[in-house]
mmCIF file of all heavy atoms, coordinates in Angstrom:
data_MODEL
# 
_entry.id   MODEL 
# 
loop_
_atom_site.group_PDB 
_atom_site.id 
_atom_site.type_symbol 
_atom_site.label_atom_id 
_atom_site.label_alt_id 
_atom_site.label_comp_id 
_atom_site.label_asym_id 
_atom_site.label_entity_id 
_atom_site.label_seq_id 
_atom_site.pdbx_PDB_ins_code 
_atom_site.Cartn_x 
_atom_site.Cartn_y 
_atom_site.Cartn_z 
_atom_site.occupancy 
_atom_site.B_iso_or_equiv 
_atom_site.pdbx_formal_charge 
_atom_site.auth_seq_id 
_atom_site.auth_comp_id 
_atom_site.auth_asym_id 
_atom_site.auth_atom_id 
_atom_site.pdbx_PDB_model_num 
ATOM 1   N N   . GLU A 1 1  ? 8.360  -14.362 3.307  1.00 0.00 ? 1  GLU A N   1 
ATOM 2   C CA  . GLU A 1 1  ? 7.108  -14.994 3.264  1.00 0.00 ? 1  GLU A CA  1 
ATOM 3   C C   . GLU A 1 1  ? 6.957  -16.044 4.362  1.00 0.00 ? 1  GLU A C   1 
ATOM 4   O O   . GLU A 1 1  ? 5.851  -16.284 4.831  1.00 0.00 ? 1  GLU A O   1 
ATOM 5   C CB  . GLU A 1 1  ? 6.867  -15.700 1.926  1.00 0.00 ? 1  GLU A CB  1 
ATOM 6   C CG  . GLU A 1 1  ? 6.418  -14.788 0.800  1.00 0.00 ? 1  GLU A CG  1 
ATOM 7   C CD  . GLU A 1 1  ? 4.960  -14.147 1.118  1.00 0.00 ? 1  GLU A CD  1 
ATOM 8   O OE1 . GLU A 1 1  ? 4.166  -14.945 1.505  1.00 0.00 ? 1  GLU A OE1 1 
ATOM 9   O OE2 . GLU A 1 1  ? 4.896  -12.973 0.913  1.00 0.00 ? 1  GLU A OE2 1 
ATOM 10  N N   . ALA A 1 2  ? 8.005  -16.667 4.761  1.00 0.00 ? 2  ALA A N   1 
ATOM 11  C CA  . ALA A 1 2  ? 7.962  -17.648 5.928  1.00 0.00 ? 2  ALA A CA  1 
ATOM 12  C C   . ALA A 1 2  ? 8.028  -17.094 7.268  1.00 0.00 ? 2  ALA A C   1 
ATOM 13  O O   . ALA A 1 2  ? 7.771  -17.793 8.265  1.00 0.00 ? 2  ALA A O   1 
ATOM 14  C CB  . ALA A 1 2  ? 9.114  -18.636 5.718  1.00 0.00 ? 2  ALA A CB  1 
ATOM 15  N N   . SER A 1 3  ? 8.201  -15.733 7.399  1.00 0.00 ? 3  SER A N   1 
ATOM 16  C CA  . SER A 1 3  ? 8.354  -15.172 8.778  1.00 0.00 ? 3  SER A CA  1 
ATOM 17  C C   . SER A 1 3  ? 7.004  -14.877 9.401  1.00 0.00 ? 3  SER A C   1 
ATOM 18  O O   . SER A 1 3  ? 6.962  -14.747 10.612 1.00 0.00 ? 3  SER A O   1 
ATOM 19  C CB  . SER A 1 3  ? 9.248  -13.901 8.673  1.00 0.00 ? 3  SER A CB  1 
ATOM 20  O OG  . SER A 1 3  ? 8.501  -12.959 8.014  1.00 0.00 ? 3  SER A OG  1 
ATOM 21  N N   . GLY A 1 4  ? 5.954  -14.746 8.570  1.00 0.00 ? 4  GLY A N   1 
ATOM 22  C CA  . GLY A 1 4  ? 4.667  -14.446 9.185  1.00 0.00 ? 4  GLY A CA  1 
ATOM 23  C C   . GLY A 1 4  ? 4.579  -13.090 9.848  1.00 0.00 ? 4  GLY A C   1 
ATOM 24  O O   . GLY A 1 4  ? 3.761  -12.855 10.649 1.00 0.00 ? 4  GLY A O   1 
ATOM 25  N N   . GLY A 1 5  ? 5.508  -12.166 9.449  1.00 0.00 ? 5  GLY A N   1 
ATOM 26  C CA  . GLY A 1 5  ? 5.487  -10.878 10.036 1.00 0.00 ? 5  GLY A CA  1 
ATOM 27  C C   . GLY A 1 5  ? 6.023  -10.837 11.493 1.00 0.00 ? 5  GLY A C   1 
ATOM 28  O O   . GLY A 1 5  ? 5.703  -9.949  12.240 1.00 0.00 ? 5  GLY A O   1 
ATOM 29  N N   . ARG A 1 6  ? 6.699  -11.878 11.850 1.00 0.00 ? 6  ARG A N   1 
ATOM 30  C CA  . ARG A 1 6  ? 7.218  -11.911 13.257 1.00 0.00 ? 6  ARG A CA  1 
ATOM 31  C C   . ARG A 1 6  ? 8.232  -10.773 13.519 1.00 0.00 ? 6  ARG A C   1 
ATOM 32  O O   . ARG A 1 6  ? 8.972  -10.350 12.612 1.00 0.00 ? 6  ARG A O   1 
ATOM 33  C CB  . ARG A 1 6  ? 7.920  -13.269 13.520 1.00 0.00 ? 6  ARG A CB  1 
ATOM 34  C CG  . ARG A 1 6  ? 6.878  -14.442 13.502 1.00 0.00 ? 6  ARG A CG  1 
ATOM 35  C CD  . ARG A 1 6  ? 7.640  -15.688 13.722 1.00 0.00 ? 6  ARG A CD  1 
ATOM 36  N NE  . ARG A 1 6  ? 8.809  -15.839 12.875 1.00 0.00 ? 6  ARG A NE  1 
ATOM 37  C CZ  . ARG A 1 6  ? 9.806  -16.741 13.122 1.00 0.00 ? 6  ARG A CZ  1 
ATOM 38  N NH1 . ARG A 1 6  ? 9.779  -17.491 14.167 1.00 0.00 ? 6  ARG A NH1 1 
ATOM 39  N NH2 . ARG A 1 6  ? 10.814 -16.781 12.213 1.00 0.00 ? 6  ARG A NH2 1 
ATOM 40  N N   . ALA A 1 7  ? 8.339  -10.396 14.779 1.00 0.00 ? 7  ALA A N   1 
ATOM 41  C CA  . ALA A 1 7  ? 9.254  -9.342  15.144 1.00 0.00 ? 7  ALA A CA  1 
ATOM 42  C C   . ALA A 1 7  ? 10.715 -9.764  14.947 1.00 0.00 ? 7  ALA A C   1 
ATOM 43  O O   . ALA A 1 7  ? 11.615 -8.959  14.790 1.00 0.00 ? 7  ALA A O   1 
ATOM 44  C CB  . ALA A 1 7  ? 9.029  -8.975  16.624 1.00 0.00 ? 7  ALA A CB  1 
ATOM 45  N N   . GLU A 1 8  ? 10.932 -11.092 14.870 1.00 0.00 ? 8  GLU A N   1 
ATOM 46  C CA  . GLU A 1 8  ? 12.340 -11.583 14.808 1.00 0.00 ? 8  GLU A CA  1 
ATOM 47  C C   . GLU A 1 8  ? 12.796 -11.658 13.344 1.00 0.00 ? 8  GLU A C   1 
ATOM 48  O O   . GLU A 1 8  ? 13.857 -12.176 13.027 1.00 0.00 ? 8  GLU A O   1 
ATOM 49  C CB  . GLU A 1 8  ? 12.419 -13.041 15.321 1.00 0.00 ? 8  GLU A CB  1 
ATOM 50  C CG  . GLU A 1 8  ? 11.971 -13.193 16.783 1.00 0.00 ? 8  GLU A CG  1 
ATOM 51  C CD  . GLU A 1 8  ? 10.556 -13.538 16.924 1.00 0.00 ? 8  GLU A CD  1 
ATOM 52  O OE1 . GLU A 1 8  ? 9.733  -13.247 16.010 1.00 0.00 ? 8  GLU A OE1 1 
ATOM 53  O OE2 . GLU A 1 8  ? 10.142 -14.033 18.004 1.00 0.00 ? 8  GLU A OE2 1 
ATOM 54  N N   . GLU A 1 9  ? 11.954 -11.079 12.392 1.00 0.00 ? 9  GLU A N   1 
ATOM 55  C CA  . GLU A 1 9  ? 12.301 -11.353 11.008 1.00 0.00 ? 9  GLU A CA  1 
ATOM 56  C C   . GLU A 1 9  ? 13.669 -10.634 10.591 1.00 0.00 ? 9  GLU A C   1 
ATOM 57  O O   . GLU A 1 9  ? 14.387 -11.191 9.771  1.00 0.00 ? 9  GLU A O   1 
ATOM 58  C CB  . GLU A 1 9  ? 11.218 -10.813 10.100 1.00 0.00 ? 9  GLU A CB  1 
ATOM 59  C CG  . GLU A 1 9  ? 10.943 -9.317  10.100 1.00 0.00 ? 9  GLU A CG  1 
ATOM 60  C CD  . GLU A 1 9  ? 9.823  -8.954  9.120  1.00 0.00 ? 9  GLU A CD  1 
ATOM 61  O OE1 . GLU A 1 9  ? 8.954  -9.762  8.869  1.00 0.00 ? 9  GLU A OE1 1 
ATOM 62  O OE2 . GLU A 1 9  ? 9.904  -7.763  8.678  1.00 0.00 ? 9  GLU A OE2 1 
ATOM 63  N N   . ARG A 1 10 ? 14.006 -9.599  11.255 1.00 0.00 ? 10 ARG A N   1 
ATOM 64  C CA  . ARG A 1 10 ? 15.248 -8.909  10.867 1.00 0.00 ? 10 ARG A CA  1 
ATOM 65  C C   . ARG A 1 10 ? 16.474 -9.808  11.298 1.00 0.00 ? 10 ARG A C   1 
ATOM 66  O O   . ARG A 1 10 ? 17.393 -9.967  10.474 1.00 0.00 ? 10 ARG A O   1 
ATOM 67  C CB  . ARG A 1 10 ? 15.383 -7.575  11.606 1.00 0.00 ? 10 ARG A CB  1 
ATOM 68  C CG  . ARG A 1 10 ? 16.700 -6.834  11.383 1.00 0.00 ? 10 ARG A CG  1 
ATOM 69  C CD  . ARG A 1 10 ? 17.097 -6.723  9.912  1.00 0.00 ? 10 ARG A CD  1 
ATOM 70  N NE  . ARG A 1 10 ? 16.084 -6.132  9.039  1.00 0.00 ? 10 ARG A NE  1 
ATOM 71  C CZ  . ARG A 1 10 ? 16.174 -6.097  7.806  1.00 0.00 ? 10 ARG A CZ  1 
ATOM 72  N NH1 . ARG A 1 10 ? 17.291 -6.591  7.190  1.00 0.00 ? 10 ARG A NH1 1 
ATOM 73  N NH2 . ARG A 1 10 ? 15.236 -5.562  7.068  1.00 0.00 ? 10 ARG A NH2 1 
ATOM 74  N N   . SER A 1 11 ? 16.462 -10.352 12.470 1.00 0.00 ? 11 SER A N   1 
ATOM 75  C CA  . SER A 1 11 ? 17.537 -11.283 12.844 1.00 0.00 ? 11 SER A CA  1 
ATOM 76  C C   . SER A 1 11 ? 17.538 -12.511 12.024 1.00 0.00 ? 11 SER A C   1 
ATOM 77  O O   . SER A 1 11 ? 18.589 -13.080 11.693 1.00 0.00 ? 11 SER A O   1 
ATOM 78  C CB  . SER A 1 11 ? 17.394 -11.684 14.345 1.00 0.00 ? 11 SER A CB  1 
ATOM 79  O OG  . SER A 1 11 ? 16.236 -12.333 14.621 1.00 0.00 ? 11 SER A OG  1 
ATOM 80  N N   . GLY A 1 12 ? 16.274 -13.006 11.598 1.00 0.00 ? 12 GLY A N   1 
ATOM 81  C CA  . GLY A 1 12 ? 16.215 -14.123 10.691 1.00 0.00 ? 12 GLY A CA  1 
ATOM 82  C C   . GLY A 1 12 ? 16.857 -13.835 9.337  1.00 0.00 ? 12 GLY A C   1 
ATOM 83  O O   . GLY A 1 12 ? 17.569 -14.614 8.765  1.00 0.00 ? 12 GLY A O   1 
ATOM 84  N N   . LEU A 1 13 ? 16.543 -12.636 8.813  1.00 0.00 ? 13 LEU A N   1 
ATOM 85  C CA  . LEU A 1 13 ? 17.162 -12.260 7.554  1.00 0.00 ? 13 LEU A CA  1 
ATOM 86  C C   . LEU A 1 13 ? 18.701 -12.206 7.652  1.00 0.00 ? 13 LEU A C   1 
ATOM 87  O O   . LEU A 1 13 ? 19.451 -12.636 6.736  1.00 0.00 ? 13 LEU A O   1 
ATOM 88  C CB  . LEU A 1 13 ? 16.650 -10.862 7.155  1.00 0.00 ? 13 LEU A CB  1 
ATOM 89  C CG  . LEU A 1 13 ? 15.437 -10.760 6.244  1.00 0.00 ? 13 LEU A CG  1 
ATOM 90  C CD1 . LEU A 1 13 ? 15.069 -9.359  5.973  1.00 0.00 ? 13 LEU A CD1 1 
ATOM 91  C CD2 . LEU A 1 13 ? 15.669 -11.505 4.913  1.00 0.00 ? 13 LEU A CD2 1 
ATOM 92  N N   . GLU A 1 14 ? 19.173 -11.661 8.744  1.00 0.00 ? 14 GLU A N   1 
ATOM 93  C CA  . GLU A 1 14 ? 20.624 -11.584 8.913  1.00 0.00 ? 14 GLU A CA  1 
ATOM 94  C C   . GLU A 1 14 ? 21.236 -12.947 8.932  1.00 0.00 ? 14 GLU A C   1 
ATOM 95  O O   . GLU A 1 14 ? 22.351 -13.199 8.366  1.00 0.00 ? 14 GLU A O   1 
ATOM 96  C CB  . GLU A 1 14 ? 20.996 -10.867 10.237 1.00 0.00 ? 14 GLU A CB  1 
ATOM 97  C CG  . GLU A 1 14 ? 20.683 -9.394  10.204 1.00 0.00 ? 14 GLU A CG  1 
ATOM 98  C CD  . GLU A 1 14 ? 20.812 -8.652  11.493 1.00 0.00 ? 14 GLU A CD  1 
ATOM 99  O OE1 . GLU A 1 14 ? 21.166 -9.370  12.487 1.00 0.00 ? 14 GLU A OE1 1 
ATOM 100 O OE2 . GLU A 1 14 ? 20.679 -7.455  11.584 1.00 0.00 ? 14 GLU A OE2 1 
ATOM 101 N N   . MET A 1 15 ? 20.533 -13.966 9.536  1.00 0.00 ? 15 MET A N   1 
ATOM 102 C CA  . MET A 1 15 ? 21.122 -15.305 9.610  1.00 0.00 ? 15 MET A CA  1 
ATOM 103 C C   . MET A 1 15 ? 21.072 -15.918 8.157  1.00 0.00 ? 15 MET A C   1 
ATOM 104 O O   . MET A 1 15 ? 22.037 -16.558 7.769  1.00 0.00 ? 15 MET A O   1 
ATOM 105 C CB  . MET A 1 15 ? 20.203 -16.184 10.453 1.00 0.00 ? 15 MET A CB  1 
ATOM 106 C CG  . MET A 1 15 ? 20.541 -17.644 10.484 1.00 0.00 ? 15 MET A CG  1 
ATOM 107 S SD  . MET A 1 15 ? 19.456 -18.684 11.508 1.00 0.00 ? 15 MET A SD  1 
ATOM 108 C CE  . MET A 1 15 ? 17.901 -18.498 10.594 1.00 0.00 ? 15 MET A CE  1 
ATOM 109 N N   . VAL A 1 16 ? 19.960 -15.690 7.415  1.00 0.00 ? 16 VAL A N   1 
ATOM 110 C CA  . VAL A 1 16 ? 19.923 -16.216 6.052  1.00 0.00 ? 16 VAL A CA  1 
ATOM 111 C C   . VAL A 1 16 ? 21.057 -15.579 5.160  1.00 0.00 ? 16 VAL A C   1 
ATOM 112 O O   . VAL A 1 16 ? 21.762 -16.288 4.408  1.00 0.00 ? 16 VAL A O   1 
ATOM 113 C CB  . VAL A 1 16 ? 18.558 -15.860 5.415  1.00 0.00 ? 16 VAL A CB  1 
ATOM 114 C CG1 . VAL A 1 16 ? 18.585 -16.169 3.886  1.00 0.00 ? 16 VAL A CG1 1 
ATOM 115 C CG2 . VAL A 1 16 ? 17.476 -16.607 6.086  1.00 0.00 ? 16 VAL A CG2 1 
ATOM 116 N N   . TYR A 1 17 ? 21.272 -14.278 5.259  1.00 0.00 ? 17 TYR A N   1 
ATOM 117 C CA  . TYR A 1 17 ? 22.380 -13.697 4.537  1.00 0.00 ? 17 TYR A CA  1 
ATOM 118 C C   . TYR A 1 17 ? 23.701 -14.081 4.972  1.00 0.00 ? 17 TYR A C   1 
ATOM 119 O O   . TYR A 1 17 ? 24.701 -14.034 4.212  1.00 0.00 ? 17 TYR A O   1 
ATOM 120 C CB  . TYR A 1 17 ? 22.166 -12.128 4.548  1.00 0.00 ? 17 TYR A CB  1 
ATOM 121 C CG  . TYR A 1 17 ? 20.966 -11.623 3.905  1.00 0.00 ? 17 TYR A CG  1 
ATOM 122 C CD1 . TYR A 1 17 ? 20.241 -10.488 4.329  1.00 0.00 ? 17 TYR A CD1 1 
ATOM 123 C CD2 . TYR A 1 17 ? 20.408 -12.287 2.733  1.00 0.00 ? 17 TYR A CD2 1 
ATOM 124 C CE1 . TYR A 1 17 ? 19.117 -10.007 3.692  1.00 0.00 ? 17 TYR A CE1 1 
ATOM 125 C CE2 . TYR A 1 17 ? 19.297 -11.786 2.067  1.00 0.00 ? 17 TYR A CE2 1 
ATOM 126 C CZ  . TYR A 1 17 ? 18.637 -10.661 2.604  1.00 0.00 ? 17 TYR A CZ  1 
ATOM 127 O OH  . TYR A 1 17 ? 17.541 -10.203 1.938  1.00 0.00 ? 17 TYR A OH  1 
ATOM 128 N N   . HIS A 1 18 ? 23.817 -14.457 6.269  1.00 0.00 ? 18 HIS A N   1 
ATOM 129 C CA  . HIS A 1 18 ? 25.149 -15.001 6.800  1.00 0.00 ? 18 HIS A CA  1 
ATOM 130 C C   . HIS A 1 18 ? 25.470 -16.284 6.019  1.00 0.00 ? 18 HIS A C   1 
ATOM 131 O O   . HIS A 1 18 ? 26.657 -16.427 5.622  1.00 0.00 ? 18 HIS A O   1 
ATOM 132 C CB  . HIS A 1 18 ? 24.985 -15.209 8.248  1.00 0.00 ? 18 HIS A CB  1 
ATOM 133 C CG  . HIS A 1 18 ? 26.124 -16.044 8.827  1.00 0.00 ? 18 HIS A CG  1 
ATOM 134 N ND1 . HIS A 1 18 ? 27.433 -15.517 8.980  1.00 0.00 ? 18 HIS A ND1 1 
ATOM 135 C CD2 . HIS A 1 18 ? 26.174 -17.304 9.261  1.00 0.00 ? 18 HIS A CD2 1 
ATOM 136 C CE1 . HIS A 1 18 ? 28.204 -16.430 9.503  1.00 0.00 ? 18 HIS A CE1 1 
ATOM 137 N NE2 . HIS A 1 18 ? 27.455 -17.524 9.702  1.00 0.00 ? 18 HIS A NE2 1 
ATOM 138 N N   . TYR A 1 19 ? 24.484 -17.137 5.869  1.00 0.00 ? 19 TYR A N   1 
ATOM 139 C CA  . TYR A 1 19 ? 24.777 -18.424 5.222  1.00 0.00 ? 19 TYR A CA  1 
ATOM 140 C C   . TYR A 1 19 ? 24.743 -18.346 3.695  1.00 0.00 ? 19 TYR A C   1 
ATOM 141 O O   . TYR A 1 19 ? 25.474 -19.136 2.985  1.00 0.00 ? 19 TYR A O   1 
ATOM 142 C CB  . TYR A 1 19 ? 23.757 -19.505 5.632  1.00 0.00 ? 19 TYR A CB  1 
ATOM 143 C CG  . TYR A 1 19 ? 23.966 -19.940 7.112  1.00 0.00 ? 19 TYR A CG  1 
ATOM 144 C CD1 . TYR A 1 19 ? 23.102 -19.563 8.105  1.00 0.00 ? 19 TYR A CD1 1 
ATOM 145 C CD2 . TYR A 1 19 ? 25.097 -20.737 7.471  1.00 0.00 ? 19 TYR A CD2 1 
ATOM 146 C CE1 . TYR A 1 19 ? 23.297 -19.955 9.461  1.00 0.00 ? 19 TYR A CE1 1 
ATOM 147 C CE2 . TYR A 1 19 ? 25.267 -21.164 8.749  1.00 0.00 ? 19 TYR A CE2 1 
ATOM 148 C CZ  . TYR A 1 19 ? 24.444 -20.794 9.730  1.00 0.00 ? 19 TYR A CZ  1 
ATOM 149 O OH  . TYR A 1 19 ? 24.650 -21.156 11.067 1.00 0.00 ? 19 TYR A OH  1 
ATOM 150 N N   . PHE A 1 20 ? 24.003 -17.369 3.226  1.00 0.00 ? 20 PHE A N   1 
ATOM 151 C CA  . PHE A 1 20 ? 23.901 -17.195 1.786  1.00 0.00 ? 20 PHE A CA  1 
ATOM 152 C C   . PHE A 1 20 ? 24.196 -15.763 1.415  1.00 0.00 ? 20 PHE A C   1 
ATOM 153 O O   . PHE A 1 20 ? 23.273 -14.967 1.061  1.00 0.00 ? 20 PHE A O   1 
ATOM 154 C CB  . PHE A 1 20 ? 22.491 -17.610 1.253  1.00 0.00 ? 20 PHE A CB  1 
ATOM 155 C CG  . PHE A 1 20 ? 22.082 -19.019 1.560  1.00 0.00 ? 20 PHE A CG  1 
ATOM 156 C CD1 . PHE A 1 20 ? 21.183 -19.246 2.578  1.00 0.00 ? 20 PHE A CD1 1 
ATOM 157 C CD2 . PHE A 1 20 ? 22.617 -20.074 0.839  1.00 0.00 ? 20 PHE A CD2 1 
ATOM 158 C CE1 . PHE A 1 20 ? 20.782 -20.542 2.829  1.00 0.00 ? 20 PHE A CE1 1 
ATOM 159 C CE2 . PHE A 1 20 ? 22.268 -21.361 1.132  1.00 0.00 ? 20 PHE A CE2 1 
ATOM 160 C CZ  . PHE A 1 20 ? 21.326 -21.641 2.081  1.00 0.00 ? 20 PHE A CZ  1 
ATOM 161 N N   . PRO A 1 21 ? 25.426 -15.317 1.505  1.00 0.00 ? 21 PRO A N   1 
ATOM 162 C CA  . PRO A 1 21 ? 25.750 -13.911 1.164  1.00 0.00 ? 21 PRO A CA  1 
ATOM 163 C C   . PRO A 1 21 ? 25.480 -13.475 -0.201 1.00 0.00 ? 21 PRO A C   1 
ATOM 164 O O   . PRO A 1 21 ? 25.155 -12.303 -0.456 1.00 0.00 ? 21 PRO A O   1 
ATOM 165 C CB  . PRO A 1 21 ? 27.236 -13.865 1.445  1.00 0.00 ? 21 PRO A CB  1 
ATOM 166 C CG  . PRO A 1 21 ? 27.739 -15.304 1.467  1.00 0.00 ? 21 PRO A CG  1 
ATOM 167 C CD  . PRO A 1 21 ? 26.633 -16.135 1.945  1.00 0.00 ? 21 PRO A CD  1 
ATOM 168 N N   . LYS A 1 22 ? 25.371 -14.484 -1.109 1.00 0.00 ? 22 LYS A N   1 
ATOM 169 C CA  . LYS A 1 22 ? 25.012 -14.113 -2.481 1.00 0.00 ? 22 LYS A CA  1 
ATOM 170 C C   . LYS A 1 22 ? 23.589 -13.590 -2.522 1.00 0.00 ? 22 LYS A C   1 
ATOM 171 O O   . LYS A 1 22 ? 23.241 -12.709 -3.324 1.00 0.00 ? 22 LYS A O   1 
ATOM 172 C CB  . LYS A 1 22 ? 25.111 -15.356 -3.352 1.00 0.00 ? 22 LYS A CB  1 
ATOM 173 C CG  . LYS A 1 22 ? 24.878 -15.146 -4.809 1.00 0.00 ? 22 LYS A CG  1 
ATOM 174 C CD  . LYS A 1 22 ? 25.106 -16.339 -5.647 1.00 0.00 ? 22 LYS A CD  1 
ATOM 175 C CE  . LYS A 1 22 ? 26.517 -16.875 -5.605 1.00 0.00 ? 22 LYS A CE  1 
ATOM 176 N NZ  . LYS A 1 22 ? 26.715 -18.095 -6.551 1.00 0.00 ? 22 LYS A NZ  1 
ATOM 177 N N   . LEU A 1 23 ? 22.663 -14.086 -1.638 1.00 0.00 ? 23 LEU A N   1 
ATOM 178 C CA  . LEU A 1 23 ? 21.349 -13.614 -1.595 1.00 0.00 ? 23 LEU A CA  1 
ATOM 179 C C   . LEU A 1 23 ? 21.206 -12.179 -1.183 1.00 0.00 ? 23 LEU A C   1 
ATOM 180 O O   . LEU A 1 23 ? 20.331 -11.441 -1.595 1.00 0.00 ? 23 LEU A O   1 
ATOM 181 C CB  . LEU A 1 23 ? 20.464 -14.480 -0.708 1.00 0.00 ? 23 LEU A CB  1 
ATOM 182 C CG  . LEU A 1 23 ? 20.213 -15.912 -1.138 1.00 0.00 ? 23 LEU A CG  1 
ATOM 183 C CD1 . LEU A 1 23 ? 19.292 -16.608 -0.093 1.00 0.00 ? 23 LEU A CD1 1 
ATOM 184 C CD2 . LEU A 1 23 ? 19.622 -15.962 -2.507 1.00 0.00 ? 23 LEU A CD2 1 
ATOM 185 N N   . TYR A 1 24 ? 22.119 -11.747 -0.302 1.00 0.00 ? 24 TYR A N   1 
ATOM 186 C CA  . TYR A 1 24 ? 22.166 -10.319 0.136  1.00 0.00 ? 24 TYR A CA  1 
ATOM 187 C C   . TYR A 1 24 ? 22.414 -9.441  -1.104 1.00 0.00 ? 24 TYR A C   1 
ATOM 188 O O   . TYR A 1 24 ? 21.653 -8.407  -1.269 1.00 0.00 ? 24 TYR A O   1 
ATOM 189 C CB  . TYR A 1 24 ? 23.194 -10.059 1.143  1.00 0.00 ? 24 TYR A CB  1 
ATOM 190 C CG  . TYR A 1 24 ? 23.250 -8.611  1.603  1.00 0.00 ? 24 TYR A CG  1 
ATOM 191 C CD1 . TYR A 1 24 ? 22.349 -8.098  2.528  1.00 0.00 ? 24 TYR A CD1 1 
ATOM 192 C CD2 . TYR A 1 24 ? 24.241 -7.759  1.108  1.00 0.00 ? 24 TYR A CD2 1 
ATOM 193 C CE1 . TYR A 1 24 ? 22.348 -6.846  2.991  1.00 0.00 ? 24 TYR A CE1 1 
ATOM 194 C CE2 . TYR A 1 24 ? 24.255 -6.405  1.483  1.00 0.00 ? 24 TYR A CE2 1 
ATOM 195 C CZ  . TYR A 1 24 ? 23.324 -5.921  2.401  1.00 0.00 ? 24 TYR A CZ  1 
ATOM 196 O OH  . TYR A 1 24 ? 23.388 -4.645  2.832  1.00 0.00 ? 24 TYR A OH  1 
# 
């Protein structure tokens, strides 16, 4: 929801899951 449909959302998701593997 915070990405606004940006093209970088996949790399952003990978970063989030890197810090919070439980969320993956």
